[in-house]
């Protein structure tokens, strides 16, 4: 008699587990990550004419490299410089390297690599937005990095 009761409880537990997994999978929806157009705004008065190359680097909230834009085009409007890029939504940090010459980006894997590799170059500027949650098309202002 006790064996039948134990088997009955076992079937109820297995059935409940099966229904909970089935219900959980039905609630999870596959959400495709949307691409967002980002406008990075830099004050044009701070910018010198020697900065010919603009490199946009996108990092996640942990500081790992997500995307590189090695030759970003800078547009000047009303005393401000604007850089455009397209990224997937998420929590991101945008870092822009302004350099007088082309740079090798092969050694960059995380945010600390930028400080380590480019700290000694005097004519180079590093500006960044800080960590932002990007969910739609947005304009972000760039500020001088704290290195």
N, C-alpha and C. Protein backbone atom coordinates (compact mmCIF):
# COMPACT_ATOMS: atom_id res chain seq x y z
N UNK A 1 0.82 -1.19 0.00
CA UNK A 1 0.00 0.00 0.00
C UNK A 1 0.87 1.27 0.00
N UNK A 2 1.92 1.26 0.81
CA UNK A 2 2.79 2.43 0.85
C UNK A 2 3.54 2.61 -0.46
N UNK A 3 3.85 1.52 -1.13
CA UNK A 3 4.52 1.61 -2.43
C UNK A 3 3.63 2.31 -3.44
N UNK A 4 2.35 2.05 -3.44
CA UNK A 4 1.42 2.69 -4.37
C UNK A 4 1.32 4.19 -4.06
N UNK A 5 1.30 4.54 -2.79
CA UNK A 5 1.24 5.96 -2.41
C UNK A 5 2.51 6.69 -2.84
N UNK A 6 3.67 6.07 -2.63
CA UNK A 6 4.95 6.68 -3.04
C UNK A 6 5.00 6.86 -4.54
N UNK A 7 4.56 5.85 -5.29
CA UNK A 7 4.55 5.96 -6.76
C UNK A 7 3.58 7.05 -7.20
N UNK A 8 2.44 7.17 -6.56
CA UNK A 8 1.48 8.23 -6.88
C UNK A 8 2.06 9.61 -6.65
N UNK A 9 2.72 9.81 -5.49
CA UNK A 9 3.37 11.09 -5.22
C UNK A 9 4.49 11.37 -6.21
N UNK A 10 5.22 10.35 -6.60
CA UNK A 10 6.29 10.51 -7.57
C UNK A 10 5.75 10.98 -8.92
N UNK A 11 4.63 10.39 -9.37
CA UNK A 11 4.01 10.83 -10.63
C UNK A 11 3.49 12.26 -10.52
N UNK A 12 2.96 12.65 -9.36
CA UNK A 12 2.49 14.02 -9.20
C UNK A 12 3.65 15.01 -9.24
N UNK A 13 4.76 14.66 -8.63
CA UNK A 13 5.93 15.54 -8.64
C UNK A 13 6.49 15.67 -10.04
N UNK A 14 6.60 14.55 -10.76
CA UNK A 14 7.11 14.59 -12.14
C UNK A 14 6.16 15.39 -13.02
N UNK A 15 4.86 15.20 -12.87
CA UNK A 15 3.88 15.95 -13.66
C UNK A 15 3.93 17.43 -13.37
N UNK A 16 4.06 17.79 -12.10
CA UNK A 16 4.17 19.21 -11.74
C UNK A 16 5.43 19.83 -12.30
N UNK A 17 6.53 19.09 -12.25
CA UNK A 17 7.79 19.58 -12.80
C UNK A 17 7.68 19.78 -14.31
N UNK A 18 7.04 18.84 -15.01
CA UNK A 18 6.85 18.94 -16.46
C UNK A 18 6.00 20.17 -16.80
N UNK A 19 4.90 20.38 -16.08
CA UNK A 19 4.03 21.52 -16.37
C UNK A 19 4.73 22.85 -16.06
N UNK A 20 5.53 22.89 -15.01
CA UNK A 20 6.23 24.14 -14.70
C UNK A 20 7.25 24.48 -15.78
N UNK A 21 7.95 23.49 -16.30
CA UNK A 21 8.91 23.75 -17.39
C UNK A 21 8.17 24.18 -18.65
N UNK A 22 7.07 23.53 -18.96
CA UNK A 22 6.29 23.88 -20.14
C UNK A 22 5.75 25.31 -20.02
N UNK A 23 5.26 25.68 -18.85
CA UNK A 23 4.73 27.02 -18.63
C UNK A 23 5.85 28.07 -18.70
N UNK A 24 7.00 27.75 -18.14
CA UNK A 24 8.12 28.67 -18.15
C UNK A 24 8.61 28.94 -19.57
N UNK A 25 8.70 27.91 -20.40
CA UNK A 25 9.16 28.09 -21.78
C UNK A 25 8.16 28.89 -22.59
N UNK A 26 6.87 28.77 -22.27
CA UNK A 26 5.87 29.51 -23.00
C UNK A 26 5.95 31.00 -22.67
N UNK A 27 6.33 31.33 -21.43
CA UNK A 27 6.43 32.73 -21.03
C UNK A 27 7.66 33.41 -21.60
N UNK A 28 8.70 32.66 -21.83
CA UNK A 28 9.92 33.24 -22.40
C UNK A 28 9.70 33.52 -23.87
N UNK A 29 9.92 34.75 -24.23
CA UNK A 29 9.78 35.11 -25.64
C UNK A 29 11.17 35.46 -26.15
N UNK A 30 11.41 35.07 -27.35
CA UNK A 30 12.68 35.42 -27.97
C UNK A 30 12.60 36.87 -28.40
N UNK A 31 13.42 37.68 -27.79
CA UNK A 31 13.43 39.10 -28.09
C UNK A 31 14.66 39.41 -28.93
N UNK A 32 14.42 39.80 -30.16
CA UNK A 32 15.53 40.16 -31.04
C UNK A 32 16.07 41.52 -30.61
N UNK A 33 17.37 41.64 -30.59
CA UNK A 33 17.99 42.91 -30.21
C UNK A 33 17.92 43.85 -31.40
N UNK A 34 17.42 45.03 -31.15
CA UNK A 34 17.28 46.02 -32.21
C UNK A 34 18.57 46.81 -32.40
N UNK A 35 18.78 47.25 -33.62
CA UNK A 35 19.90 48.14 -33.90
C UNK A 35 19.47 49.57 -33.62
N UNK A 36 20.34 50.32 -32.98
CA UNK A 36 20.05 51.71 -32.63
C UNK A 36 21.09 52.62 -33.26
N UNK A 37 20.63 53.74 -33.78
CA UNK A 37 21.52 54.76 -34.34
C UNK A 37 21.95 55.68 -33.21
N UNK A 38 23.24 55.77 -32.96
CA UNK A 38 23.78 56.58 -31.88
C UNK A 38 24.53 57.77 -32.46
N UNK A 39 24.25 58.94 -31.92
CA UNK A 39 24.97 60.16 -32.30
C UNK A 39 25.81 60.58 -31.10
N UNK A 40 27.11 60.61 -31.27
CA UNK A 40 28.04 61.03 -30.22
C UNK A 40 28.41 62.48 -30.47
N UNK A 41 28.15 63.35 -29.50
CA UNK A 41 28.32 64.79 -29.67
C UNK A 41 29.52 65.26 -28.86
N UNK A 42 30.41 65.98 -29.53
CA UNK A 42 31.62 66.54 -28.91
C UNK A 42 31.64 68.04 -29.16
N UNK A 43 31.98 68.80 -28.15
CA UNK A 43 32.08 70.25 -28.29
C UNK A 43 33.21 70.58 -29.26
N UNK A 44 32.90 71.32 -30.31
CA UNK A 44 33.87 71.63 -31.35
C UNK A 44 34.97 72.57 -30.92
N UNK A 45 34.73 73.37 -29.87
CA UNK A 45 35.77 74.31 -29.42
C UNK A 45 36.95 73.58 -28.77
N UNK A 46 36.70 72.40 -28.22
CA UNK A 46 37.78 71.62 -27.61
C UNK A 46 38.63 70.90 -28.64
N UNK A 47 38.10 70.73 -29.82
CA UNK A 47 38.75 69.91 -30.83
C UNK A 47 39.79 70.72 -31.61
N UNK A 48 40.96 70.16 -31.73
CA UNK A 48 42.02 70.78 -32.52
C UNK A 48 41.97 70.21 -33.93
N UNK A 49 42.55 70.93 -34.86
CA UNK A 49 42.54 70.48 -36.26
C UNK A 49 43.47 69.30 -36.50
N UNK A 50 44.37 69.00 -35.56
CA UNK A 50 45.32 67.92 -35.80
C UNK A 50 44.67 66.54 -35.67
N UNK A 51 43.49 66.46 -35.07
CA UNK A 51 42.83 65.17 -34.89
C UNK A 51 42.12 64.78 -36.18
N UNK A 52 42.79 64.01 -36.99
CA UNK A 52 42.23 63.63 -38.28
C UNK A 52 41.51 62.29 -38.22
N UNK A 53 41.93 61.41 -37.35
CA UNK A 53 41.34 60.07 -37.27
C UNK A 53 40.46 59.96 -36.03
N UNK A 54 39.23 59.54 -36.24
CA UNK A 54 38.29 59.31 -35.14
C UNK A 54 37.98 57.82 -35.10
N UNK A 55 38.21 57.21 -33.96
CA UNK A 55 37.99 55.78 -33.79
C UNK A 55 36.99 55.60 -32.66
N UNK A 56 35.86 54.95 -32.96
CA UNK A 56 34.84 54.70 -31.94
C UNK A 56 34.99 53.27 -31.46
N UNK A 57 35.09 53.10 -30.15
CA UNK A 57 35.14 51.77 -29.53
C UNK A 57 33.94 51.66 -28.59
N UNK A 58 33.23 50.54 -28.67
CA UNK A 58 32.05 50.32 -27.85
C UNK A 58 32.35 49.20 -26.87
N UNK A 59 32.13 49.47 -25.58
CA UNK A 59 32.37 48.49 -24.52
C UNK A 59 31.07 48.19 -23.79
N UNK A 60 30.97 46.97 -23.25
CA UNK A 60 29.80 46.64 -22.43
C UNK A 60 30.01 47.17 -21.02
N UNK A 61 29.08 46.89 -20.12
CA UNK A 61 29.16 47.46 -18.77
C UNK A 61 30.33 46.91 -17.96
N UNK A 62 30.86 45.75 -18.36
CA UNK A 62 32.01 45.17 -17.67
C UNK A 62 33.33 45.67 -18.22
N UNK A 63 33.28 46.41 -19.34
CA UNK A 63 34.49 46.96 -19.93
C UNK A 63 35.07 46.11 -21.05
N UNK A 64 34.34 45.11 -21.52
CA UNK A 64 34.82 44.25 -22.61
C UNK A 64 34.41 44.87 -23.96
N UNK A 65 35.29 44.76 -24.93
CA UNK A 65 35.05 45.34 -26.25
C UNK A 65 33.90 44.63 -26.94
N UNK A 66 32.94 45.42 -27.45
CA UNK A 66 31.79 44.90 -28.18
C UNK A 66 31.95 45.15 -29.67
N UNK A 67 32.37 46.37 -30.04
CA UNK A 67 32.44 46.73 -31.45
C UNK A 67 33.47 47.83 -31.66
N UNK A 68 34.09 47.84 -32.85
CA UNK A 68 35.05 48.88 -33.24
C UNK A 68 34.56 49.56 -34.51
N UNK A 69 34.72 50.86 -34.57
CA UNK A 69 34.49 51.63 -35.79
C UNK A 69 35.80 52.37 -36.07
N UNK A 70 36.74 51.76 -36.83
CA UNK A 70 38.08 52.33 -36.97
C UNK A 70 38.15 53.66 -37.72
N UNK A 71 37.28 53.90 -38.65
CA UNK A 71 37.32 55.16 -39.40
C UNK A 71 35.94 55.80 -39.36
N UNK A 72 35.61 56.40 -38.25
CA UNK A 72 34.33 57.08 -38.10
C UNK A 72 34.41 58.46 -38.74
N UNK A 73 33.33 58.85 -39.40
CA UNK A 73 33.29 60.15 -40.06
C UNK A 73 32.75 61.19 -39.08
N UNK A 74 33.45 62.31 -38.97
CA UNK A 74 33.04 63.37 -38.06
C UNK A 74 32.36 64.47 -38.87
N UNK A 75 31.17 64.88 -38.43
CA UNK A 75 30.43 65.97 -39.06
C UNK A 75 30.37 67.14 -38.09
N UNK A 76 30.63 68.34 -38.61
CA UNK A 76 30.59 69.53 -37.75
C UNK A 76 29.34 70.33 -38.06
N UNK A 77 28.59 70.63 -36.98
CA UNK A 77 27.37 71.43 -37.11
C UNK A 77 27.26 72.35 -35.90
N UNK A 78 27.11 73.64 -36.13
CA UNK A 78 26.84 74.63 -35.09
C UNK A 78 27.82 74.55 -33.92
N UNK A 79 29.08 74.45 -34.20
CA UNK A 79 30.10 74.42 -33.15
C UNK A 79 30.23 73.09 -32.44
N UNK A 80 29.54 72.08 -32.92
CA UNK A 80 29.65 70.75 -32.32
C UNK A 80 30.07 69.75 -33.39
N UNK A 81 30.82 68.75 -32.95
CA UNK A 81 31.22 67.67 -33.84
C UNK A 81 30.37 66.45 -33.51
N UNK A 82 29.87 65.79 -34.54
CA UNK A 82 29.00 64.64 -34.33
C UNK A 82 29.56 63.42 -35.03
N UNK A 83 29.54 62.31 -34.31
CA UNK A 83 29.97 61.02 -34.83
C UNK A 83 28.77 60.08 -34.78
N UNK A 84 28.58 59.31 -35.83
CA UNK A 84 27.43 58.40 -35.89
C UNK A 84 27.89 56.96 -35.96
N UNK A 85 27.17 56.09 -35.26
CA UNK A 85 27.43 54.65 -35.33
C UNK A 85 26.13 53.90 -35.05
N UNK A 86 26.08 52.65 -35.46
CA UNK A 86 24.91 51.80 -35.24
C UNK A 86 25.34 50.60 -34.41
N UNK A 87 24.66 50.41 -33.27
CA UNK A 87 24.97 49.30 -32.37
C UNK A 87 23.68 48.62 -31.94
N UNK A 88 23.81 47.40 -31.41
CA UNK A 88 22.66 46.71 -30.84
C UNK A 88 22.39 47.28 -29.46
N UNK A 89 21.11 47.22 -29.05
CA UNK A 89 20.75 47.78 -27.75
C UNK A 89 21.42 47.02 -26.61
N UNK A 90 21.63 47.71 -25.51
CA UNK A 90 22.27 47.12 -24.34
C UNK A 90 22.84 48.21 -23.45
N UNK A 91 23.57 47.82 -22.43
CA UNK A 91 24.22 48.77 -21.53
C UNK A 91 25.66 48.92 -22.02
N UNK A 92 25.96 50.10 -22.57
CA UNK A 92 27.21 50.29 -23.31
C UNK A 92 27.95 51.55 -22.86
N UNK A 93 29.26 51.55 -23.12
CA UNK A 93 30.13 52.69 -22.91
C UNK A 93 30.80 52.99 -24.25
N UNK A 94 30.67 54.22 -24.73
CA UNK A 94 31.27 54.62 -26.00
C UNK A 94 32.54 55.41 -25.72
N UNK A 95 33.63 54.98 -26.33
CA UNK A 95 34.92 55.64 -26.15
C UNK A 95 35.43 56.04 -27.53
N UNK A 96 35.86 57.29 -27.67
CA UNK A 96 36.34 57.80 -28.96
C UNK A 96 37.80 58.20 -28.81
N UNK A 97 38.63 57.69 -29.71
CA UNK A 97 40.04 58.06 -29.76
C UNK A 97 40.22 59.07 -30.89
N UNK A 98 40.76 60.23 -30.57
CA UNK A 98 41.04 61.27 -31.55
C UNK A 98 42.55 61.35 -31.71
N UNK A 99 43.04 60.95 -32.87
CA UNK A 99 44.49 60.85 -33.07
C UNK A 99 44.89 61.51 -34.39
N UNK A 100 46.13 62.01 -34.47
CA UNK A 100 46.60 62.62 -35.71
C UNK A 100 46.99 61.61 -36.78
N UNK A 101 47.12 60.35 -36.40
CA UNK A 101 47.53 59.32 -37.37
C UNK A 101 46.72 58.05 -37.11
N UNK A 102 46.84 57.11 -38.03
CA UNK A 102 46.14 55.83 -37.88
C UNK A 102 46.76 55.03 -36.74
N UNK A 103 45.93 54.29 -36.02
CA UNK A 103 46.38 53.50 -34.88
C UNK A 103 46.10 52.03 -35.10
N UNK A 104 46.90 51.19 -34.50
CA UNK A 104 46.66 49.75 -34.52
C UNK A 104 45.76 49.40 -33.34
N UNK A 105 44.62 48.78 -33.63
CA UNK A 105 43.64 48.44 -32.60
C UNK A 105 43.63 46.97 -32.26
N UNK A 106 44.64 46.24 -32.71
CA UNK A 106 44.62 44.78 -32.52
C UNK A 106 44.81 44.36 -31.07
N UNK A 107 45.42 45.19 -30.25
CA UNK A 107 45.67 44.82 -28.86
C UNK A 107 44.57 45.19 -27.90
N UNK A 108 43.47 45.75 -28.40
CA UNK A 108 42.40 46.22 -27.52
C UNK A 108 41.36 45.12 -27.33
N UNK A 109 41.19 44.71 -26.08
CA UNK A 109 40.18 43.71 -25.72
C UNK A 109 39.23 44.27 -24.67
N UNK A 110 39.74 45.14 -23.80
CA UNK A 110 38.91 45.73 -22.75
C UNK A 110 39.26 47.21 -22.59
N UNK A 111 38.53 47.91 -21.75
CA UNK A 111 38.70 49.35 -21.58
C UNK A 111 40.07 49.71 -21.00
N UNK A 112 40.61 48.87 -20.14
CA UNK A 112 41.92 49.15 -19.54
C UNK A 112 43.04 49.13 -20.58
N UNK A 113 42.85 48.41 -21.67
CA UNK A 113 43.87 48.36 -22.73
C UNK A 113 44.08 49.73 -23.38
N UNK A 114 43.04 50.53 -23.46
CA UNK A 114 43.17 51.86 -24.05
C UNK A 114 44.09 52.72 -23.19
N UNK A 115 43.87 52.69 -21.88
CA UNK A 115 44.73 53.45 -20.98
C UNK A 115 46.17 52.96 -21.05
N UNK A 116 46.34 51.66 -21.11
CA UNK A 116 47.69 51.07 -21.12
C UNK A 116 48.43 51.38 -22.42
N UNK A 117 47.73 51.29 -23.55
CA UNK A 117 48.40 51.44 -24.85
C UNK A 117 48.58 52.89 -25.28
N UNK A 118 47.63 53.76 -24.95
CA UNK A 118 47.65 55.11 -25.53
C UNK A 118 47.85 56.23 -24.51
N UNK A 119 48.20 55.91 -23.29
CA UNK A 119 48.38 56.95 -22.27
C UNK A 119 49.57 57.86 -22.60
N UNK A 120 50.61 57.34 -23.19
CA UNK A 120 51.83 58.12 -23.42
C UNK A 120 51.80 59.00 -24.65
N UNK A 121 50.82 58.90 -25.50
CA UNK A 121 50.77 59.70 -26.73
C UNK A 121 50.19 61.06 -26.39
N UNK A 122 51.00 62.11 -26.52
CA UNK A 122 50.59 63.44 -26.05
C UNK A 122 49.56 64.11 -26.96
N UNK A 123 49.66 63.92 -28.26
CA UNK A 123 48.75 64.63 -29.17
C UNK A 123 47.42 63.90 -29.38
N UNK A 124 47.20 62.86 -28.61
CA UNK A 124 45.98 62.07 -28.75
C UNK A 124 45.01 62.40 -27.62
N UNK A 125 43.70 62.43 -27.95
CA UNK A 125 42.67 62.67 -26.94
C UNK A 125 41.75 61.47 -26.84
N UNK A 126 41.31 61.17 -25.63
CA UNK A 126 40.37 60.09 -25.37
C UNK A 126 39.14 60.71 -24.72
N UNK A 127 37.99 60.55 -25.36
CA UNK A 127 36.72 61.03 -24.79
C UNK A 127 35.75 59.86 -24.73
N UNK A 128 34.84 59.90 -23.73
CA UNK A 128 33.89 58.80 -23.59
C UNK A 128 32.59 59.29 -22.99
N UNK A 129 31.56 58.45 -23.10
CA UNK A 129 30.23 58.81 -22.62
C UNK A 129 29.97 58.33 -21.21
N UNK A 130 30.67 57.32 -20.76
CA UNK A 130 30.29 56.64 -19.53
C UNK A 130 29.32 55.52 -19.90
N UNK A 131 28.84 54.79 -18.92
CA UNK A 131 27.97 53.65 -19.18
C UNK A 131 26.53 54.13 -19.31
N UNK A 132 25.89 53.81 -20.44
CA UNK A 132 24.51 54.18 -20.72
C UNK A 132 23.72 52.96 -21.16
N UNK A 133 22.43 52.95 -20.85
CA UNK A 133 21.55 51.91 -21.37
C UNK A 133 20.96 52.41 -22.67
N UNK A 134 21.29 51.73 -23.76
CA UNK A 134 20.85 52.12 -25.09
C UNK A 134 19.68 51.23 -25.48
N UNK A 135 18.49 51.85 -25.64
CA UNK A 135 17.30 51.11 -26.05
C UNK A 135 16.70 51.64 -27.34
N UNK A 136 17.09 52.84 -27.73
CA UNK A 136 16.54 53.46 -28.93
C UNK A 136 17.59 54.42 -29.49
N UNK A 137 17.26 55.06 -30.61
CA UNK A 137 18.16 56.04 -31.20
C UNK A 137 18.33 57.20 -30.22
N UNK A 138 19.58 57.58 -29.98
CA UNK A 138 19.83 58.59 -28.96
C UNK A 138 21.11 59.37 -29.30
N UNK A 139 21.20 60.59 -28.77
CA UNK A 139 22.41 61.40 -28.88
C UNK A 139 23.06 61.45 -27.50
N UNK A 140 24.35 61.13 -27.43
CA UNK A 140 25.09 61.12 -26.17
C UNK A 140 26.25 62.10 -26.25
N UNK A 141 26.48 62.83 -25.17
CA UNK A 141 27.59 63.78 -25.18
C UNK A 141 28.87 63.10 -24.69
N UNK A 142 29.97 63.48 -25.29
CA UNK A 142 31.27 62.93 -24.95
C UNK A 142 32.00 63.86 -23.99
N UNK A 143 32.65 63.27 -23.01
CA UNK A 143 33.43 64.03 -22.03
C UNK A 143 34.85 63.50 -22.02
N UNK A 144 35.79 64.34 -21.64
CA UNK A 144 37.19 63.94 -21.59
C UNK A 144 37.37 62.81 -20.59
N UNK A 145 38.17 61.84 -20.98
CA UNK A 145 38.43 60.70 -20.11
C UNK A 145 39.28 61.12 -18.92
N UNK A 146 39.18 60.38 -17.84
CA UNK A 146 39.86 60.76 -16.60
C UNK A 146 41.26 60.18 -16.47
N UNK A 147 41.94 59.89 -17.58
CA UNK A 147 43.31 59.36 -17.46
C UNK A 147 44.31 60.48 -17.50
